[in-house]
C-alpha atoms as a PDB file:
ATOM      1  CA  TYR A   1       0.070  -0.048  -0.116  1.00  0.00           C
ATOM      2  CA  GLN A   2       3.202   2.669   0.762  1.00  0.00           C
ATOM      3  CA  ARG A   3       4.866   1.916  -2.749  1.00  0.00           C
ATOM      4  CA  ARG A   4       1.135   2.091  -4.237  1.00  0.00           C
ATOM      5  CA  VAL A   5       0.915   5.543  -2.777  1.00  0.00           C
ATOM      6  CA  HIS A   6       4.312   6.616  -3.275  1.00  0.00           C
ATOM      7  CA  GLY A   7       4.222   5.486  -6.625  1.00  0.00           C
ATOM      8  CA  THR A   8       0.872   7.934  -7.216  1.00  0.00           C
ATOM      9  CA  LEU A   9       2.451  10.551  -5.736  1.00  0.00           C
ATOM     10  CA  SER A  10       5.500  10.803  -7.612  1.00  0.00           C
ATOM     11  CA  GLU A  11       2.861  10.338 -10.946  1.00  0.00           C
ATOM     12  CA  CYS A  12       1.387  13.319  -9.792  1.00  0.00           C
ATOM     13  CA  LEU A  13       4.226  15.392  -9.142  1.00  0.00           C
ATOM     14  CA  PHE A  14       6.071  14.210 -12.817  1.00  0.00           C
ATOM     15  CA  PHE A  15       2.403  15.297 -14.306  1.00  0.00           C
ATOM     16  CA  PHE A  16       2.289  18.572 -12.736  1.00  0.00           C
ATOM     17  CA  VAL A  17       6.368  19.094 -13.510  1.00  0.00           C
ATOM     18  CA  PHE A  18       5.887  18.149 -17.362  1.00  0.00           C
ATOM     19  CA  GLY A  19       1.855  17.870 -17.797  1.00  0.00           C
ATOM     20  CA  SER A  20      -0.191  14.505 -18.535  1.00  0.00           C
ATOM     21  CA  PRO A  21      -0.018  13.158 -21.366  1.00  0.00           C
ATOM     22  CA  MET A  22      -3.861  13.033 -21.285  1.00  0.00           C
ATOM     23  CA  ALA A  23      -3.836  16.986 -21.206  1.00  0.00           C
ATOM     24  CA  ASN A  24      -4.665  17.506 -24.906  1.00  0.00           C
ATOM     25  CA  LYS A  25      -6.613  14.559 -25.642  1.00  0.00           C
ATOM     26  CA  GLN A  26     -10.049  15.199 -26.820  1.00  0.00           C
ATOM     27  CA  ILE A  27     -12.354  12.522 -24.203  1.00  0.00           C
ATOM     28  CA  ILE A  28     -15.864  12.143 -24.704  1.00  0.00           C
ATOM     29  CA  CYS A  29     -18.618   9.817 -23.295  1.00  0.00           C
ATOM     30  CA  PRO A  30     -19.826   7.742 -25.854  1.00  0.00           C
ATOM     31  CA  TYR A  31     -23.178   7.617 -24.815  1.00  0.00           C
ATOM     32  CA  ASP A  32     -23.251  11.455 -24.843  1.00  0.00           C
ATOM     33  CA  GLY A  33     -24.529  12.255 -28.659  1.00  0.00           C
ATOM     34  CA  GLN A  34     -24.456  15.857 -28.488  1.00  0.00           C
ATOM     35  CA  THR A  35     -21.212  16.004 -26.939  1.00  0.00           C
ATOM     36  CA  THR A  36     -19.695  13.222 -29.426  1.00  0.00           C
ATOM     37  CA  LYS A  37     -21.161  15.198 -32.605  1.00  0.00           C
ATOM     38  CA  LEU A  38     -19.583  18.560 -31.183  1.00  0.00           C
ATOM     39  CA  THR A  39     -16.404  17.214 -30.800  1.00  0.00           C
ATOM     40  CA  LEU A  40     -16.013  15.710 -34.238  1.00  0.00           C
ATOM     41  CA  ASP A  41     -17.487  18.650 -35.561  1.00  0.00           C
ATOM     42  CA  ASN A  42     -14.485  21.008 -33.943  1.00  0.00           C
ATOM     43  CA  GLU A  43     -12.040  18.351 -35.162  1.00  0.00           C
ATOM     44  CA  ALA A  44     -13.467  18.650 -38.658  1.00  0.00           C
ATOM     45  CA  MET A  45     -13.643  22.654 -38.864  1.00  0.00           C
ATOM     46  CA  LYS A  46     -10.066  22.552 -37.748  1.00  0.00           C
ATOM     47  CA  ILE A  47      -8.809  20.033 -40.246  1.00  0.00           C
ATOM     48  CA  LEU A  48     -10.311  22.233 -42.798  1.00  0.00           C
ATOM     49  CA  THR A  49      -9.288  25.299 -41.811  1.00  0.00           C
ATOM     50  CA  ASP A  50      -5.816  24.256 -41.225  1.00  0.00           C
ATOM     51  CA  GLY A  51      -5.443  21.170 -43.877  1.00  0.00           C
ATOM     52  CA  THR A  52      -6.897  21.939 -46.460  1.00  0.00           C
ATOM     53  CA  THR A  53      -6.377  24.750 -49.675  1.00  0.00           C
ATOM     54  CA  TYR A  54      -9.936  26.127 -48.999  1.00  0.00           C
ATOM     55  CA  GLU A  55     -10.558  29.489 -47.690  1.00  0.00           C
ATOM     56  CA  PRO A  56     -13.319  29.444 -44.949  1.00  0.00           C
ATOM     57  CA  ASN A  57     -16.585  32.061 -45.267  1.00  0.00           C
ATOM     58  CA  THR A  58     -16.463  33.854 -42.015  1.00  0.00           C
ATOM     59  CA  PHE A  59     -19.488  36.536 -42.875  1.00  0.00           C
ATOM     60  CA  ILE A  60     -21.838  35.051 -41.413  1.00  0.00           C
ATOM     61  CA  SER A  61     -19.862  33.997 -38.028  1.00  0.00           C
ATOM     62  CA  THR A  62     -18.827  37.928 -38.484  1.00  0.00           C
ATOM     63  CA  THR A  63     -22.356  38.905 -38.917  1.00  0.00           C
ATOM     64  CA  LYS A  64     -23.438  37.047 -35.503  1.00  0.00           C
ATOM     65  CA  ILE A  65     -20.498  38.377 -33.874  1.00  0.00           C
ATOM     66  CA  VAL A  66     -21.699  41.632 -34.238  1.00  0.00           C
ATOM     67  CA  LEU A  67     -24.975  41.610 -33.659  1.00  0.00           C
ATOM     68  CA  GLY A  68     -23.841  39.638 -30.024  1.00  0.00           C
ATOM     69  CA  VAL A  69     -21.737  42.786 -29.466  1.00  0.00           C
ATOM     70  CA  LEU A  70     -24.668  45.030 -30.159  1.00  0.00           C
ATOM     71  CA  ALA A  71     -27.106  43.443 -27.913  1.00  0.00           C
ATOM     72  CA  VAL A  72     -24.427  43.403 -25.213  1.00  0.00           C
ATOM     73  CA  GLY A  73     -23.794  46.969 -25.766  1.00  0.00           C
ATOM     74  CA  SER A  74     -27.495  47.790 -25.433  1.00  0.00           C
ATOM     75  CA  ALA A  75     -27.950  45.636 -22.302  1.00  0.00           C
ATOM     76  CA  LEU A  76     -24.669  47.569 -20.984  1.00  0.00           C
ATOM     77  CA  LEU A  77     -26.244  50.836 -21.642  1.00  0.00           C
ATOM     78  CA  SER A  78     -29.362  49.910 -19.672  1.00  0.00           C
ATOM     79  CA  HIS A  79     -27.230  49.506 -16.565  1.00  0.00           C
ATOM     80  CA  PHE A  80     -24.856  52.491 -16.403  1.00  0.00           C
ATOM     81  CA  TYR A  81     -26.274  55.308 -18.461  1.00  0.00           C
ATOM     82  CA  PRO A  82     -26.152  58.234 -16.242  1.00  0.00           C
ATOM     83  CA  LEU A  83     -29.583  58.694 -15.729  1.00  0.00           C
ATOM     84  CA  PRO A  84     -31.404  57.876 -13.060  1.00  0.00           C
ATOM     85  CA  PHE A  85     -34.963  55.668 -12.570  1.00  0.00           C
ATOM     86  CA  PRO A  86     -37.706  56.628 -13.509  1.00  0.00           C
ATOM     87  CA  ARG A  87     -36.202  59.234 -16.581  1.00  0.00           C
ATOM     88  CA  ASN A  88     -34.358  56.379 -17.771  1.00  0.00           C
ATOM     89  CA  LYS A  89     -37.439  53.973 -18.377  1.00  0.00           C
ATOM     90  CA  TYR A  90     -37.569  54.846 -21.801  1.00  0.00           C
ATOM     91  CA  LEU A  91     -33.966  54.144 -22.603  1.00  0.00           C
ATOM     92  CA  ILE A  92     -34.318  51.083 -20.611  1.00  0.00           C
ATOM     93  CA  LEU A  93     -37.573  49.725 -22.468  1.00  0.00           C
ATOM     94  CA  GLY A  94     -35.640  50.337 -25.938  1.00  0.00           C
ATOM     95  CA  CYS A  95     -32.487  48.342 -24.370  1.00  0.00           C
ATOM     96  CA  CYS A  96     -34.360  45.653 -23.671  1.00  0.00           C
ATOM     97  CA  ILE A  97     -36.476  45.768 -27.175  1.00  0.00           C
ATOM     98  CA  CYS A  98     -33.151  45.702 -28.993  1.00  0.00           C
ATOM     99  CA  TYR A  99     -31.461  43.025 -26.641  1.00  0.00           C
ATOM    100  CA  PHE A 100     -34.072  40.863 -27.642  1.00  0.00           C
ATOM    101  CA  PHE A 101     -35.040  41.516 -30.789  1.00  0.00           C
ATOM    102  CA  LEU A 102     -30.685  41.152 -31.854  1.00  0.00           C
ATOM    103  CA  SER A 103     -30.951  37.702 -30.184  1.00  0.00           C
ATOM    104  CA  PHE A 104     -33.967  36.598 -32.287  1.00  0.00           C
ATOM    105  CA  VAL A 105     -32.194  37.163 -35.224  1.00  0.00           C
ATOM    106  CA  LEU A 106     -28.947  35.420 -34.017  1.00  0.00           C
ATOM    107  CA  HIS A 107     -31.623  32.400 -33.098  1.00  0.00           C
ATOM    108  CA  LEU A 108     -32.880  32.395 -36.522  1.00  0.00           C
ATOM    109  CA  LEU A 109     -29.293  32.382 -37.872  1.00  0.00           C
ATOM    110  CA  ALA A 110     -28.228  29.664 -36.083  1.00  0.00           C
ATOM    111  CA  LEU A 111     -31.295  27.199 -36.545  1.00  0.00           C
ATOM    112  CA  TYR A 112     -32.530  28.277 -40.220  1.00  0.00           C
ATOM    113  CA  VAL A 113     -29.766  29.320 -41.965  1.00  0.00           C
ATOM    114  CA  GLU A 114     -26.253  27.473 -40.503  1.00  0.00           C
ATOM    115  CA  ARG A 115     -28.375  24.429 -39.129  1.00  0.00           C
ATOM    116  CA  ASN A 116     -25.932  21.543 -39.556  1.00  0.00           C
ATOM    117  CA  VAL A 117     -23.332  23.247 -41.563  1.00  0.00           C
ATOM    118  CA  ILE A 118     -19.947  23.076 -40.050  1.00  0.00           C
ATOM    119  CA  PHE A 119     -18.098  24.848 -43.074  1.00  0.00           C
ATOM    120  CA  LEU A 120     -18.599  27.051 -45.871  1.00  0.00           C
ATOM    121  CA  SER A 121     -15.985  28.229 -47.593  1.00  0.00           C
ATOM    122  CA  LYS A 122     -15.496  31.400 -50.109  1.00  0.00           C
ATOM    123  CA  GLU A 123     -15.603  31.256 -53.607  1.00  0.00           C
ATOM    124  CA  PHE A 124     -12.956  29.627 -55.749  1.00  0.00           C
ATOM    125  CA  THR A 125     -12.579  28.845 -59.401  1.00  0.00           C
ATOM    126  CA  LYS A 126     -12.061  25.850 -60.797  1.00  0.00           C
ATOM    127  CA  ASN A 127     -11.489  24.916 -64.870  1.00  0.00           C
ATOM    128  CA  ASN A 128     -12.776  28.937 -65.139  1.00  0.00           C
ATOM    129  CA  LYS A 129     -16.121  28.036 -63.386  1.00  0.00           C
ATOM    130  CA  LYS A 130     -16.561  29.284 -59.670  1.00  0.00           C
ATOM    131  CA  TYR A 131     -17.634  27.101 -56.778  1.00  0.00           C
ATOM    132  CA  PHE A 132     -18.352  27.141 -53.198  1.00  0.00           C
ATOM    133  CA  LEU A 133     -17.874  24.771 -50.559  1.00  0.00           C
ATOM    134  CA  ARG A 134     -20.660  23.499 -48.073  1.00  0.00           C
ATOM    135  CA  ILE A 135     -20.060  20.743 -45.703  1.00  0.00           C
ATOM    136  CA  SER A 136     -22.820  19.852 -43.533  1.00  0.00           C
ATOM    137  CA  THR A 137     -23.104  16.867 -40.754  1.00  0.00           C
ATOM    138  CA  PHE A 138     -25.727  15.103 -39.229  1.00  0.00           C
ATOM    139  CA  MET A 139     -26.272  12.481 -35.957  1.00  0.00           C
ATOM    140  CA  GLY A 140     -29.476  11.304 -34.716  1.00  0.00           C
ATOM    141  CA  GLN A 141     -30.787  11.965 -31.554  1.00  0.00           C
ATOM    142  CA  TYR A 142     -29.348   7.943 -30.350  1.00  0.00           C
ATOM    143  CA  SER A 143     -27.356   6.898 -33.286  1.00  0.00           C
ATOM    144  CA  PRO A 144     -24.165   6.114 -33.134  1.00  0.00           C
ATOM    145  CA  ASN A 145     -23.669   7.001 -36.531  1.00  0.00           C
ATOM    146  CA  TYR A 146     -21.441  10.424 -37.553  1.00  0.00           C
ATOM    147  CA  HIS A 147     -22.884  11.609 -41.247  1.00  0.00           C
ATOM    148  CA  ILE A 148     -21.042  13.667 -43.570  1.00  0.00           C
ATOM    149  CA  GLN A 149     -22.451  15.369 -46.471  1.00  0.00           C
ATOM    150  CA  CYS A 150     -20.311  17.634 -49.216  1.00  0.00           C
ATOM    151  CA  ASP A 151     -22.177  19.882 -51.382  1.00  0.00           C
ATOM    152  CA  LEU A 152     -20.464  21.687 -54.607  1.00  0.00           C
ATOM    153  CA  LEU A 153     -22.293  25.263 -54.945  1.00  0.00           C
ATOM    154  CA  GLN A 154     -22.999  27.090 -57.760  1.00  0.00           C
ATOM    155  CA  LEU A 155     -24.144  30.529 -57.633  1.00  0.00           C
ATOM    156  CA  PRO A 156     -24.200  34.044 -60.239  1.00  0.00           C
ATOM    157  CA  GLU A 157     -21.631  36.697 -59.327  1.00  0.00           C
ATOM    158  CA  ALA A 158     -22.392  39.021 -57.183  1.00  0.00           C
ATOM    159  CA  PRO A 159     -22.949  42.480 -58.625  1.00  0.00           C
ATOM    160  CA  ALA A 160     -20.411  45.446 -58.206  1.00  0.00           C
ATOM    161  CA  GLY A 161     -20.741  47.273 -55.628  1.00  0.00           C
ATOM    162  CA  ALA A 162     -23.419  45.506 -53.761  1.00  0.00           C
ATOM    163  CA  GLY A 163     -24.543  46.971 -50.788  1.00  0.00           C
ATOM    164  CA  PHE A 164     -24.578  45.290 -46.758  1.00  0.00           C
ATOM    165  CA  MET A 165     -28.172  43.499 -47.415  1.00  0.00           C
ATOM    166  CA  GLU A 166     -27.623  41.923 -50.943  1.00  0.00           C
ATOM    167  CA  LEU A 167     -24.068  40.162 -49.742  1.00  0.00           C
ATOM    168  CA  VAL A 168     -26.664  39.164 -46.580  1.00  0.00           C
ATOM    169  CA  LYS A 169     -29.319  37.816 -48.561  1.00  0.00           C
ATOM    170  CA  ARG A 170     -26.426  36.210 -51.048  1.00  0.00           C
ATOM    171  CA  ASN A 171     -24.823  34.513 -47.899  1.00  0.00           C
ATOM    172  CA  ILE A 172     -27.868  33.511 -46.672  1.00  0.00           C
ATOM    173  CA  GLN A 173     -28.734  31.731 -49.946  1.00  0.00           C
ATOM    174  CA  ILE A 174     -25.569  29.735 -49.857  1.00  0.00           C
ATOM    175  CA  TYR A 175     -26.105  28.519 -46.538  1.00  0.00           C
ATOM    176  CA  THR A 176     -29.775  27.494 -47.214  1.00  0.00           C
ATOM    177  CA  SER A 177     -30.760  27.282 -51.521  1.00  0.00           C
ATOM    178  CA  ALA A 178     -28.006  27.238 -53.364  1.00  0.00           C
ATOM    179  CA  PRO A 179     -27.964  24.835 -56.633  1.00  0.00           C
ATOM    180  CA  VAL A 180     -25.871  21.991 -55.769  1.00  0.00           C
ATOM    181  CA  VAL A 181     -23.477  20.785 -58.534  1.00  0.00           C
ATOM    182  CA  HIS A 182     -22.003  17.683 -56.981  1.00  0.00           C
ATOM    183  CA  THR A 183     -22.150  15.937 -54.216  1.00  0.00           C
ATOM    184  CA  THR A 184     -20.428  13.594 -51.987  1.00  0.00           C
ATOM    185  CA  SER A 185     -21.898  11.833 -48.662  1.00  0.00           C
ATOM    186  CA  LEU A 186     -20.754   9.146 -46.147  1.00  0.00           C
ATOM    187  CA  ASN A 187     -22.114   7.429 -43.130  1.00  0.00           C
ATOM    188  CA  THR A 188     -19.958   5.769 -40.517  1.00  0.00           C
ATOM    189  CA  ARG A 189     -20.238   4.713 -36.700  1.00  0.00           C
ATOM    190  CA  CYS A 190     -18.496   7.257 -34.507  1.00  0.00           C
ATOM    191  CA  ASN A 191     -16.370   4.296 -32.812  1.00  0.00           C
ATOM    192  CA  LYS A 192     -13.806   4.821 -35.979  1.00  0.00           C
ATOM    193  CA  PHE A 193     -12.901   7.771 -34.977  1.00  0.00           C
ATOM    194  CA  PHE A 194     -12.598   7.536 -30.790  1.00  0.00           C
ATOM    195  CA  ASP A 195     -10.933   4.443 -28.920  1.00  0.00           C
ATOM    196  CA  SER A 196     -12.456   2.807 -26.183  1.00  0.00           C
ATOM    197  CA  ARG A 197     -11.800   5.235 -23.751  1.00  0.00           C
ATOM    198  CA  GLY A 198     -13.405   7.921 -25.586  1.00  0.00           C
ATOM    199  CA  ILE A 199     -10.307   9.810 -26.837  1.00  0.00           C
ATOM    200  CA  LEU A 200     -10.411  11.188 -30.405  1.00  0.00           C
ATOM    201  CA  TYR A 201      -8.277   9.916 -33.234  1.00  0.00           C
ATOM    202  CA  PRO A 202      -8.227  12.837 -35.150  1.00  0.00           C
ATOM    203  CA  PRO A 203      -6.398  10.981 -38.207  1.00  0.00           C
ATOM    204  CA  ASN A 204      -9.372   8.969 -38.996  1.00  0.00           C
ATOM    205  CA  LEU A 205     -11.315  11.899 -39.147  1.00  0.00           C
ATOM    206  CA  LYS A 206      -9.106  13.544 -41.741  1.00  0.00           C
ATOM    207  CA  GLU A 207      -8.873  10.201 -43.745  1.00  0.00           C
ATOM    208  CA  VAL A 208     -12.089   9.901 -44.017  1.00  0.00           C
ATOM    209  CA  LEU A 209     -12.624  14.457 -44.671  1.00  0.00           C
ATOM    210  CA  THR A 210     -10.018  14.074 -47.500  1.00  0.00           C
ATOM    211  CA  GLN A 211     -11.452  10.835 -49.415  1.00  0.00           C
ATOM    212  CA  GLN A 212     -14.963  12.691 -49.600  1.00  0.00           C
ATOM    213  CA  LEU A 213     -12.934  15.983 -50.925  1.00  0.00           C
ATOM    214  CA  GLU A 214     -11.125  13.806 -53.443  1.00  0.00           C
ATOM    215  CA  LYS A 215     -14.462  12.650 -54.671  1.00  0.00           C
ATOM    216  CA  LEU A 216     -15.289  15.995 -55.270  1.00  0.00           C
ATOM    217  CA  ARG A 217     -12.378  17.016 -57.095  1.00  0.00           C
ATOM    218  CA  LEU A 218     -12.212  14.191 -59.326  1.00  0.00           C
ATOM    219  CA  THR A 219     -16.112  15.304 -60.447  1.00  0.00           C
ATOM    220  CA  LEU A 220     -14.984  18.766 -61.737  1.00  0.00           C
END
């Protein structure tokens, strides 16, 4: 028992000084479907951003950040504007309406625009034609399968000098209703990407994504 305690203490000291070998590992519960999908989605986005030539389209994400900052700003304004109550009641009312409206818009963007899309590329040219790459993932509530769908989209070029609302409309169309030129999909079990301890093994996910992107490339 004494030897076991000393061994445990020495291991703790070693991990404290040099770091645990498990510190950078992503560990999930295999029965938690939401966390499993989120972990795979985050790793897939990292692979697509760092390991491919596709440049991410961040227009909707940037718009959401701006709307979030405005919502937080309206909340702070209602609390800290130097005007005593009840003289500031109309200011508080306006800030509340602004906050709830912006939150509603953010909810609509997440629920009806982004939906299951985890990656959208900027427009790129191949064989004198312009495309967008859209990657979506799906996972049923109690399903052990992870579904990846890769779509190549085409849209007419944006008119020169298009305004902000025109850009918003175009980006929403890319997410939701742009014509799909080619598509590939794969449905595979999640245990392909995790070991028995629930530790993510990124090379297997990278291999699957690379295969799907290669299939799309061959269709161009």
